[in-house]
């Protein structure tokens, strides 16, 4: 039975999936790696940790009962977006990778705005933000000129892993768009942006479609993990694009809600002329020639992780989230804003910080748990509101990630967003999307819609409760005021710490 492997290179771990041609996930494995935060606002990883992690995860997969690597025909990737990997002439990393959630680049973002203004949005369909790759390059250019001068090429995380597996350089369009150096009108690196900021065109890798076969495994890597050297390797794509495909979000009336470390609301964009004037991200898709858009809240699952590790370290996530059922919509008058590491959409504010508003002595821990779940979901309603303001309407939202594990949280999402929420039988999201890229690349299916018909299965649906919808409408109006009321206060607190 022919199979494919999806490699999902995340921020804290890599997960690998073995998927049959029928769409059945046969086995999974994972491996963790560390995250370094050497200074406030910094977020870095050693690229060699990704290589070790991928090898370990594949070895674990190989060792599982009934896993037959001799039947693996193809392999592809989903990767954390925007991270900067600078390679020397010897094709080795010059410094630790600067990740998507690193916020050191506020000055560089301002530099981009001052030099290019609205022209930048016209070229890239996006505004410059701290998380994107271009500001990271400019930071290295300014603060580590020796590394910038020594750099032969830059890659994103999954593309470095793929290079080490195949010996072939390349960057797919979905991740290239997230560098904010891609000219969306020509689908080429923007000569205007490169020349404006003194970035050599030779530093930019070749562009490829996500479904392009970039080669086969090099002998050493294949031997280390037990895969045939003949396995075809496909370029893969950005984790959010892969997550959308893995959730079957391939139509304009579908919305994807993804709750990982960050939170994402995204949708398929059928009209290539669409622009949100930088309010929402507009990126090339892993579906060849297509686009998707998304809004991001930086600390979705991260907010719940923080709460658990700070106040319930010995309790598992399932029971912690379930405890919120003893509270009620509105958490007995308690609001939480999930701005623990700043925010991206709709505020693009690296200095905002989270808040609990309305604390009084009658509330219990369950109220605080529910307020965190509701606050994360209110932030998604902010993103949904941007789409609705542009005239978009949706029939349903498909939820993947941590928020898809809890029936309670799924119902909260239905009530706050006032949408039918769909959960899937296989909650693998980006990893499944990576496997689907390999399946389409191999020619097993004519396109991603045909592949999704086999690979993506609905588990349950959650309809909005009209009473809860009305209650949450009132709380959301209050939630929406918290950013404006606290932005200057939290910025002042950060300044006081310096």
Protein backbone atom coordinates (compact mmCIF):
# COMPACT_ATOMS: atom_id res chain seq x y z
CA UNK A 1 0.00 0.00 0.00
CA UNK A 2 1.59 3.25 -1.17
CA UNK A 3 1.99 5.97 1.47
CA UNK A 4 3.19 9.55 1.90
CA UNK A 5 4.76 11.37 4.84
CA UNK A 6 3.83 14.85 6.03
CA UNK A 7 6.48 16.68 8.07
CA UNK A 8 5.05 19.50 10.21
CA UNK A 9 7.94 21.64 11.49
CA UNK A 10 6.41 23.64 14.33
CA UNK A 11 7.76 26.16 16.82
CA UNK A 12 8.22 23.73 19.71
CA UNK A 13 8.24 20.33 17.99
CA UNK A 14 8.17 18.49 14.69
CA UNK A 15 5.38 16.03 13.97
CA UNK A 16 5.44 13.45 11.18
CA UNK A 17 2.44 11.60 9.73
CA UNK A 18 2.32 8.46 7.62
CA UNK A 19 -0.79 8.60 5.42
CA UNK A 20 -2.15 5.97 3.04
CA UNK A 21 -3.41 6.74 -0.46
CA UNK A 22 -6.93 6.20 0.92
CA UNK A 23 -6.42 9.19 3.24
CA UNK A 24 -6.12 7.13 6.43
CA UNK A 25 -3.47 8.32 8.89
CA UNK A 26 -1.58 5.13 9.72
CA UNK A 27 0.88 6.43 12.32
CA UNK A 28 2.33 9.61 13.83
CA UNK A 29 5.45 10.52 15.79
CA UNK A 30 7.01 13.71 17.12
CA UNK A 31 10.15 15.18 18.65
CA UNK A 32 10.62 18.33 20.69
CA UNK A 33 13.36 20.94 20.40
CA UNK A 34 14.23 23.98 22.53
CA UNK A 35 13.35 27.62 22.03
CA UNK A 36 15.87 30.30 23.07
CA UNK A 37 14.85 33.73 24.33
CA UNK A 38 18.22 35.38 25.09
CA UNK A 39 16.69 38.84 25.56
CA UNK A 40 13.15 40.20 26.00
CA UNK A 41 11.38 40.05 22.66
CA UNK A 42 13.92 37.65 21.13
CA UNK A 43 12.89 34.19 19.91
CA UNK A 44 15.50 31.97 18.28
CA UNK A 45 16.25 28.34 17.48
CA UNK A 46 19.30 26.38 16.41
CA UNK A 47 18.55 25.02 12.91
CA UNK A 48 20.52 21.89 13.73
CA UNK A 49 17.91 21.11 16.38
CA UNK A 50 15.32 20.89 13.58
CA UNK A 51 17.49 18.37 11.72
CA UNK A 52 17.94 16.26 14.85
CA UNK A 53 14.22 16.53 15.59
CA UNK A 54 13.12 15.47 12.11
CA UNK A 55 15.51 12.50 12.15
CA UNK A 56 14.31 11.46 15.61
CA UNK A 57 10.63 11.75 14.67
CA UNK A 58 11.09 9.75 11.47
CA UNK A 59 13.06 7.08 13.35
CA UNK A 60 10.24 6.83 15.91
CA UNK A 61 7.73 6.52 13.08
CA UNK A 62 9.78 3.79 11.44
CA UNK A 63 9.93 1.78 14.66
CA UNK A 64 6.17 1.57 15.10
CA UNK A 65 4.40 -1.76 14.43
CA UNK A 66 3.11 -2.28 10.89
CA UNK A 67 4.92 0.79 9.52
CA UNK A 68 6.55 -0.11 6.20
CA UNK A 69 8.86 2.61 4.95
CA UNK A 70 9.53 0.69 1.74
CA UNK A 71 6.06 1.79 0.56
CA UNK A 72 6.67 5.54 1.08
CA UNK A 73 6.43 7.22 -2.32
CA UNK A 74 6.58 10.89 -1.37
CA UNK A 75 7.24 13.35 1.42
CA UNK A 76 6.45 17.02 1.92
CA UNK A 77 6.50 19.75 4.53
CA UNK A 78 4.52 22.25 6.52
CA UNK A 79 6.68 24.81 8.28
CA UNK A 80 6.56 27.62 10.81
CA UNK A 81 6.44 30.83 8.81
CA UNK A 82 8.69 33.89 8.49
CA UNK A 83 11.76 32.55 10.36
CA UNK A 84 15.13 33.73 9.03
CA UNK A 85 17.90 31.20 8.40
CA UNK A 86 21.07 32.78 7.01
CA UNK A 87 23.51 30.42 5.29
CA UNK A 88 27.21 30.97 4.64
CA UNK A 89 29.06 30.13 1.42
CA UNK A 90 29.62 26.70 2.99
CA UNK A 91 25.81 26.41 3.28
CA UNK A 92 25.77 26.32 7.06
CA UNK A 93 23.81 28.63 9.40
CA UNK A 94 25.67 31.81 10.33
CA UNK A 95 23.61 32.43 13.46
CA UNK A 96 20.53 31.04 15.24
CA UNK A 97 17.31 31.33 13.27
CA UNK A 98 15.17 34.36 14.16
CA UNK A 99 11.58 33.11 14.50
CA UNK A 100 8.14 34.40 13.56
CA UNK A 101 7.32 35.45 17.14
CA UNK A 102 10.50 37.51 17.59
CA UNK A 103 9.62 41.18 18.11
CA UNK A 104 13.02 42.88 18.13
CA UNK A 105 12.44 44.55 14.74
CA UNK A 106 10.14 47.48 15.55
CA UNK A 107 12.73 49.99 14.29
CA UNK A 108 13.13 48.06 11.04
CA UNK A 109 9.36 47.99 10.51
CA UNK A 110 9.32 51.75 10.91
CA UNK A 111 12.24 52.00 8.46
CA UNK A 112 10.20 50.11 5.84
CA UNK A 113 7.16 52.34 6.39
CA UNK A 114 9.21 55.54 6.11
CA UNK A 115 11.06 54.49 2.96
CA UNK A 116 8.21 52.89 1.01
CA UNK A 117 4.89 53.87 2.59
CA UNK A 118 1.84 52.54 0.74
CA UNK A 119 4.00 51.40 -2.18
CA UNK A 120 5.12 48.50 -0.01
CA UNK A 121 1.53 47.32 0.49
CA UNK A 122 0.83 47.74 -3.23
CA UNK A 123 3.73 45.40 -4.08
CA UNK A 124 3.33 42.76 -1.36
CA UNK A 125 -0.41 43.12 -0.47
CA UNK A 126 0.79 43.24 3.17
CA UNK A 127 2.04 45.79 5.63
CA UNK A 128 5.40 45.31 7.29
CA UNK A 129 5.22 43.72 10.73
CA UNK A 130 7.82 42.59 13.26
CA UNK A 131 7.16 38.91 12.62
CA UNK A 132 7.94 38.95 8.88
CA UNK A 133 11.26 38.00 7.33
CA UNK A 134 12.30 41.27 5.68
CA UNK A 135 12.51 43.21 8.98
CA UNK A 136 14.67 40.39 10.37
CA UNK A 137 17.07 40.69 7.43
CA UNK A 138 17.28 44.44 7.98
CA UNK A 139 17.97 43.88 11.68
CA UNK A 140 20.91 41.60 10.84
CA UNK A 141 22.08 44.09 8.22
CA UNK A 142 22.20 46.82 10.88
CA UNK A 143 23.27 44.97 14.03
CA UNK A 144 25.34 42.08 12.64
CA UNK A 145 26.85 43.46 9.41
CA UNK A 146 29.51 40.73 9.38
CA UNK A 147 26.82 38.04 9.22
CA UNK A 148 24.88 39.91 6.56
CA UNK A 149 28.00 40.31 4.43
CA UNK A 150 28.87 36.62 4.83
CA UNK A 151 25.38 35.39 3.92
CA UNK A 152 25.13 33.58 0.59
CA UNK A 153 21.40 32.84 0.80
CA UNK A 154 18.49 32.97 3.23
CA UNK A 155 15.92 30.24 3.76
CA UNK A 156 12.90 29.68 5.97
CA UNK A 157 12.89 26.85 8.54
CA UNK A 158 11.26 24.06 6.54
CA UNK A 159 13.30 24.98 3.47
CA UNK A 160 16.53 24.56 5.39
CA UNK A 161 15.38 21.13 6.55
CA UNK A 162 14.43 20.21 2.98
CA UNK A 163 17.83 21.41 1.73
CA UNK A 164 19.57 19.18 4.26
CA UNK A 165 17.41 16.24 3.14
CA UNK A 166 17.84 16.73 -0.62
CA UNK A 167 20.75 19.09 -1.25
CA UNK A 168 18.42 21.31 -3.30
CA UNK A 169 17.70 24.99 -2.59
CA UNK A 170 14.26 26.50 -3.02
CA UNK A 171 11.46 28.44 -1.37
CA UNK A 172 7.80 27.87 -2.16
CA UNK A 173 5.47 30.76 -2.96
CA UNK A 174 3.37 30.52 0.21
CA UNK A 175 6.43 31.09 2.40
CA UNK A 176 7.99 33.56 -0.06
CA UNK A 177 4.88 35.74 0.26
CA UNK A 178 5.37 35.72 4.04
CA UNK A 179 8.84 37.21 3.71
CA UNK A 180 7.13 40.38 2.32
CA UNK A 181 9.74 40.56 -0.42
CA UNK A 182 7.57 38.97 -3.12
CA UNK A 183 5.96 41.11 -5.82
CA UNK A 184 2.43 39.71 -5.96
CA UNK A 185 1.81 41.07 -9.45
CA UNK A 186 4.76 39.21 -11.01
CA UNK A 187 5.26 36.36 -8.50
CA UNK A 188 8.97 37.20 -8.45
CA UNK A 189 11.25 38.68 -5.82
CA UNK A 190 10.61 42.43 -5.83
CA UNK A 191 13.56 44.27 -7.34
CA UNK A 192 12.14 47.50 -5.90
CA UNK A 193 12.20 46.17 -2.33
CA UNK A 194 15.59 44.51 -2.71
CA UNK A 195 17.19 47.62 -4.19
CA UNK A 196 15.55 49.97 -1.68
CA UNK A 197 17.02 48.07 1.26
CA UNK A 198 20.33 46.93 -0.20
CA UNK A 199 19.56 43.21 -0.28
CA UNK A 200 21.45 41.32 -3.01
CA UNK A 201 19.13 39.44 -5.35
CA UNK A 202 21.56 36.51 -5.13
CA UNK A 203 20.60 36.12 -1.46
CA UNK A 204 17.05 35.13 -2.45
CA UNK A 205 16.49 31.42 -3.15
CA UNK A 206 14.80 30.05 -6.28
CA UNK A 207 10.98 30.10 -6.16
CA UNK A 208 8.99 26.87 -6.59
CA UNK A 209 5.38 25.73 -6.30
CA UNK A 210 4.49 23.81 -3.15
CA UNK A 211 3.65 20.72 -5.20
CA UNK A 212 6.92 20.79 -7.17
CA UNK A 213 9.19 17.77 -6.78
CA UNK A 214 12.55 19.21 -5.73
CA UNK A 215 14.46 15.95 -5.71
CA UNK A 216 14.94 12.76 -3.74
CA UNK A 217 16.60 12.02 -0.42
CA UNK A 218 20.37 12.17 -0.18
CA UNK A 219 21.92 8.84 0.76
CA UNK A 220 23.09 9.78 4.26
CA UNK A 221 19.71 11.13 5.35
CA UNK A 222 17.78 8.23 3.87
CA UNK A 223 20.04 5.71 5.64
CA UNK A 224 19.76 7.57 8.97
CA UNK A 225 15.95 7.35 9.06
CA UNK A 226 15.32 4.13 7.15
CA UNK A 227 13.59 5.63 4.10
CA UNK A 228 14.29 4.58 0.51
CA UNK A 229 16.55 7.04 -1.28
CA UNK A 230 13.98 7.10 -4.09
CA UNK A 231 11.33 8.91 -2.01
CA UNK A 232 10.19 11.99 -3.97
CA UNK A 233 10.42 15.19 -1.93
CA UNK A 234 7.95 18.01 -2.65
CA UNK A 235 8.54 21.63 -1.70
CA UNK A 236 5.71 22.00 0.83
CA UNK A 237 4.42 25.23 2.26
CA UNK A 238 3.70 27.63 5.08
CA UNK A 239 1.96 26.05 8.06
CA UNK A 240 -1.18 28.16 7.77
CA UNK A 241 -1.61 27.40 4.08
CA UNK A 242 -1.03 23.71 4.79
CA UNK A 243 -3.44 23.87 7.72
CA UNK A 244 -6.15 25.28 5.47
CA UNK A 245 -5.66 22.49 2.92
CA UNK A 246 -5.50 19.89 5.69
CA UNK A 247 -8.83 21.20 6.98
CA UNK A 248 -10.41 21.12 3.52
CA UNK A 249 -10.86 24.90 3.43
CA UNK A 250 -10.82 25.25 -0.35
CA UNK A 251 -13.94 27.35 -0.96
CA UNK A 252 -14.67 31.04 -0.46
CA UNK A 253 -17.56 30.43 1.99
CA UNK A 254 -15.39 28.43 4.41
CA UNK A 255 -13.35 29.84 7.26
CA UNK A 256 -10.53 28.11 9.11
CA UNK A 257 -9.90 28.75 12.80
CA UNK A 258 -6.54 27.38 13.93
CA UNK A 259 -5.52 27.44 17.59
CA UNK A 260 -1.86 26.66 18.09
CA UNK A 261 0.73 28.80 19.85
CA UNK A 262 -0.74 31.63 17.83
CA UNK A 263 -4.28 31.76 16.51
CA UNK A 264 -5.26 32.14 12.88
CA UNK A 265 -8.49 32.89 11.05
CA UNK A 266 -8.07 32.33 7.31
CA UNK A 267 -10.01 31.73 4.12
CA UNK A 268 -9.55 30.85 0.46
CA UNK A 269 -9.33 33.84 -1.89
CA UNK A 270 -10.83 33.10 -5.33
CA UNK A 271 -10.27 36.63 -6.70
CA UNK A 272 -6.57 37.45 -7.36
CA UNK A 273 -7.34 41.18 -7.34
CA UNK A 274 -8.58 41.16 -3.74
CA UNK A 275 -6.79 43.50 -1.38
CA UNK A 276 -7.36 44.20 2.30
CA UNK A 277 -4.96 47.17 2.25
CA UNK A 278 -2.69 45.39 4.71
CA UNK A 279 -5.34 44.88 7.40
CA UNK A 280 -5.29 41.13 6.80
CA UNK A 281 -2.38 39.09 5.44
CA UNK A 282 -2.74 38.13 1.78
CA UNK A 283 -0.43 35.29 0.75
CA UNK A 284 0.15 32.84 -2.08
CA UNK A 285 -1.38 29.43 -1.39
CA UNK A 286 0.06 25.95 -1.60
CA UNK A 287 -2.70 25.42 -4.17
CA UNK A 288 -0.79 26.40 -7.33
CA UNK A 289 -1.68 29.87 -8.58
CA UNK A 290 -4.15 30.57 -5.76
CA UNK A 291 -4.17 32.79 -2.67
CA UNK A 292 -5.45 32.79 0.88
CA UNK A 293 -5.83 35.51 3.47
CA UNK A 294 -5.55 35.42 7.23
CA UNK A 295 -5.51 37.38 10.43
CA UNK A 296 -3.34 36.41 13.39
CA UNK A 297 -3.64 36.72 17.14
CA UNK A 298 -0.17 36.08 18.50
CA UNK A 299 -0.96 34.39 21.82
CA UNK A 300 -3.93 32.06 21.39
CA UNK A 301 -2.88 28.66 22.69
CA UNK A 302 0.08 30.42 24.28
CA UNK A 303 -2.34 32.26 26.59
CA UNK A 304 -3.88 29.00 27.78
CA UNK A 305 -0.42 27.42 28.14
CA UNK A 306 0.70 30.37 30.24
CA UNK A 307 -2.35 30.15 32.46
CA UNK A 308 -1.94 26.42 32.99
CA UNK A 309 1.77 26.53 33.76
CA UNK A 310 1.34 29.50 36.08
CA UNK A 311 -1.80 28.50 37.98
CA UNK A 312 -2.44 24.80 37.29
CA UNK A 313 0.93 23.22 36.57
CA UNK A 314 -0.07 19.78 37.88
CA UNK A 315 -3.39 19.57 36.03
CA UNK A 316 -3.81 18.26 32.49
CA UNK A 317 -5.26 20.50 29.80
CA UNK A 318 -8.40 18.42 29.33
CA UNK A 319 -9.62 18.77 32.90
CA UNK A 320 -8.51 22.41 33.12
CA UNK A 321 -10.53 23.40 30.04
CA UNK A 322 -13.49 21.25 31.12
CA UNK A 323 -13.62 23.10 34.46
CA UNK A 324 -14.82 26.19 32.58
CA UNK A 325 -18.20 24.48 32.17
CA UNK A 326 -19.01 25.37 35.81
CA UNK A 327 -18.83 29.04 34.83
CA UNK A 328 -21.18 30.65 32.29
CA UNK A 329 -20.98 32.86 29.19
CA UNK A 330 -19.20 36.03 30.21
CA UNK A 331 -17.29 34.23 33.01
CA UNK A 332 -19.34 35.98 35.70
CA UNK A 333 -18.25 39.41 34.53
CA UNK A 334 -14.59 38.66 33.77
CA UNK A 335 -12.84 39.56 30.50
CA UNK A 336 -9.39 38.48 29.32
CA UNK A 337 -7.42 39.94 26.41
CA UNK A 338 -4.77 37.56 24.99
CA UNK A 339 -2.08 40.13 24.26
CA UNK A 340 0.69 38.41 26.25
CA UNK A 341 3.35 38.96 23.58
CA UNK A 342 1.84 41.94 21.77
CA UNK A 343 -0.70 41.62 18.97
CA UNK A 344 -0.66 41.41 15.18
CA UNK A 345 -4.23 41.68 13.87
CA UNK A 346 -6.07 44.01 13.98
CA UNK A 347 -3.77 46.19 16.09
CA UNK A 348 -0.16 45.47 14.96
CA UNK A 349 1.10 46.55 18.38
CA UNK A 350 4.23 44.92 19.81
CA UNK A 351 3.84 46.80 23.11
CA UNK A 352 0.27 45.90 24.08
CA UNK A 353 -0.02 43.34 26.89
CA UNK A 354 -2.85 41.18 28.19
CA UNK A 355 -5.41 42.05 30.83
CA UNK A 356 -7.99 40.52 33.12
CA UNK A 357 -10.79 43.09 33.48
CA UNK A 358 -13.58 42.86 36.05
CA UNK A 359 -11.94 40.75 38.78
CA UNK A 360 -13.97 40.53 41.97
CA UNK A 361 -14.08 38.23 44.98
CA UNK A 362 -17.07 36.13 43.85
CA UNK A 363 -15.20 34.64 40.90
CA UNK A 364 -13.56 31.22 40.96
CA UNK A 365 -10.71 29.68 39.04
CA UNK A 366 -13.27 28.26 36.61
CA UNK A 367 -14.28 31.81 35.72
CA UNK A 368 -10.66 32.67 34.93
CA UNK A 369 -10.29 29.57 32.75
CA UNK A 370 -13.49 30.43 30.88
CA UNK A 371 -12.39 34.05 30.50
CA UNK A 372 -9.15 32.87 28.85
CA UNK A 373 -11.07 30.62 26.42
CA UNK A 374 -13.54 33.40 25.66
CA UNK A 375 -10.84 36.07 25.32
CA UNK A 376 -8.96 34.00 22.75
CA UNK A 377 -12.21 33.49 20.85
CA UNK A 378 -13.15 37.19 21.09
CA UNK A 379 -9.81 37.92 19.39
CA UNK A 380 -10.96 35.65 16.54
CA UNK A 381 -14.17 37.66 16.33
CA UNK A 382 -12.01 40.74 15.79
CA UNK A 383 -10.54 38.98 12.76
CA UNK A 384 -13.92 37.75 11.51
CA UNK A 385 -15.17 41.34 11.74
CA UNK A 386 -12.51 42.51 9.28
CA UNK A 387 -13.74 39.97 6.73
CA UNK A 388 -17.37 40.88 7.32
CA UNK A 389 -16.58 44.57 6.91
CA UNK A 390 -15.21 43.77 3.44
CA UNK A 391 -18.44 42.00 2.50
CA UNK A 392 -17.37 38.40 3.06
CA UNK A 393 -19.92 35.92 4.44
CA UNK A 394 -19.24 32.38 5.64
CA UNK A 395 -21.36 29.27 5.98
CA UNK A 396 -19.10 27.57 8.50
CA UNK A 397 -15.75 27.63 10.27
CA UNK A 398 -13.56 24.55 10.48
CA UNK A 399 -11.50 24.44 13.66
CA UNK A 400 -8.12 22.76 13.98
CA UNK A 401 -5.45 22.70 16.67
CA UNK A 402 -5.91 22.83 20.42
CA UNK A 403 -9.30 24.50 20.24
CA UNK A 404 -10.69 21.51 18.35
CA UNK A 405 -10.04 19.13 21.25
CA UNK A 406 -12.73 20.44 23.62
CA UNK A 407 -16.48 20.24 22.89
CA UNK A 408 -16.99 23.10 25.37
CA UNK A 409 -14.54 25.35 23.56
CA UNK A 410 -16.02 24.41 20.19
CA UNK A 411 -19.44 25.50 21.41
CA UNK A 412 -17.97 28.75 22.77
CA UNK A 413 -16.53 29.38 19.31
CA UNK A 414 -19.92 28.76 17.68
CA UNK A 415 -21.64 31.15 20.09
CA UNK A 416 -19.07 33.98 19.96
CA UNK A 417 -18.54 33.83 16.19
CA UNK A 418 -22.21 33.03 15.49
CA UNK A 419 -21.14 30.42 12.96
CA UNK A 420 -21.53 26.70 12.55
CA UNK A 421 -18.29 25.19 13.84
CA UNK A 422 -16.98 21.98 12.29
CA UNK A 423 -14.46 19.64 13.93
CA UNK A 424 -12.59 17.00 11.97
CA UNK A 425 -12.00 13.30 12.50
CA UNK A 426 -8.25 13.80 12.11
CA UNK A 427 -7.01 16.92 13.85
CA UNK A 428 -3.61 16.97 12.15
CA UNK A 429 -4.09 20.23 10.24
CA UNK A 430 -0.76 21.36 8.77
CA UNK A 431 0.80 17.90 8.88
CA UNK A 432 -2.09 16.43 6.93
CA UNK A 433 -1.86 19.32 4.50
CA UNK A 434 1.82 18.48 3.95
CA UNK A 435 0.88 14.86 3.23
CA UNK A 436 -1.77 16.09 0.79
CA UNK A 437 0.85 18.16 -1.05
CA UNK A 438 2.87 14.99 -1.57
CA UNK A 439 -0.24 13.07 -2.66
CA UNK A 440 -1.21 15.72 -5.23
CA UNK A 441 2.42 16.11 -6.32
CA UNK A 442 2.62 12.37 -6.99
CA UNK A 443 -0.45 12.60 -9.19
CA UNK A 444 -2.66 10.47 -6.96
CA UNK A 445 -5.35 13.16 -7.25
CA UNK A 446 -6.15 15.70 -9.94
CA UNK A 447 -6.26 18.57 -7.45
CA UNK A 448 -6.57 19.41 -3.74
CA UNK A 449 -10.37 19.27 -3.74
CA UNK A 450 -10.27 15.67 -4.98
CA UNK A 451 -7.61 14.88 -2.40
CA UNK A 452 -9.62 16.50 0.42
CA UNK A 453 -12.62 14.32 -0.45
CA UNK A 454 -10.50 11.34 0.61
CA UNK A 455 -8.27 12.84 3.29
CA UNK A 456 -10.58 15.22 5.23
CA UNK A 457 -13.51 13.81 7.24
CA UNK A 458 -15.96 15.73 9.45
CA UNK A 459 -16.34 14.50 13.04
CA UNK A 460 -18.97 16.84 14.53
CA UNK A 461 -20.71 20.19 14.07
CA UNK A 462 -21.70 22.80 16.66
CA UNK A 463 -24.53 25.24 16.00
CA UNK A 464 -24.75 28.67 17.68
CA UNK A 465 -27.13 28.91 20.62
CA UNK A 466 -29.25 32.08 20.11
CA UNK A 467 -29.33 32.99 23.81
CA UNK A 468 -25.58 32.60 24.21
CA UNK A 469 -25.02 34.57 20.98
CA UNK A 470 -26.98 37.52 22.41
CA UNK A 471 -25.06 37.39 25.70
CA UNK A 472 -21.72 37.21 23.98
CA UNK A 473 -22.60 40.13 21.72
CA UNK A 474 -22.79 42.32 24.84
CA UNK A 475 -19.51 41.02 26.25
CA UNK A 476 -17.76 41.39 22.91
CA UNK A 477 -18.68 45.08 22.71
CA UNK A 478 -16.93 45.53 26.08
CA UNK A 479 -13.98 43.35 25.09
CA UNK A 480 -13.48 45.45 21.98
CA UNK A 481 -12.95 48.55 24.17
CA UNK A 482 -10.17 47.05 26.29
CA UNK A 483 -7.35 47.55 23.76
CA UNK A 484 -7.95 51.30 23.51
CA UNK A 485 -8.29 51.63 27.26
CA UNK A 486 -5.08 49.74 28.11
CA UNK A 487 -2.62 50.34 25.24
CA UNK A 488 -0.93 53.38 26.79
CA UNK A 489 -0.89 51.77 30.25
CA UNK A 490 0.85 48.58 29.12
CA UNK A 491 3.30 50.54 26.96
CA UNK A 492 4.14 52.61 30.05
CA UNK A 493 4.70 49.46 32.10
CA UNK A 494 7.13 48.14 29.50
CA UNK A 495 8.97 51.46 29.46
CA UNK A 496 9.21 51.39 33.27
CA UNK A 497 10.94 48.01 33.10
CA UNK A 498 13.68 49.24 30.76
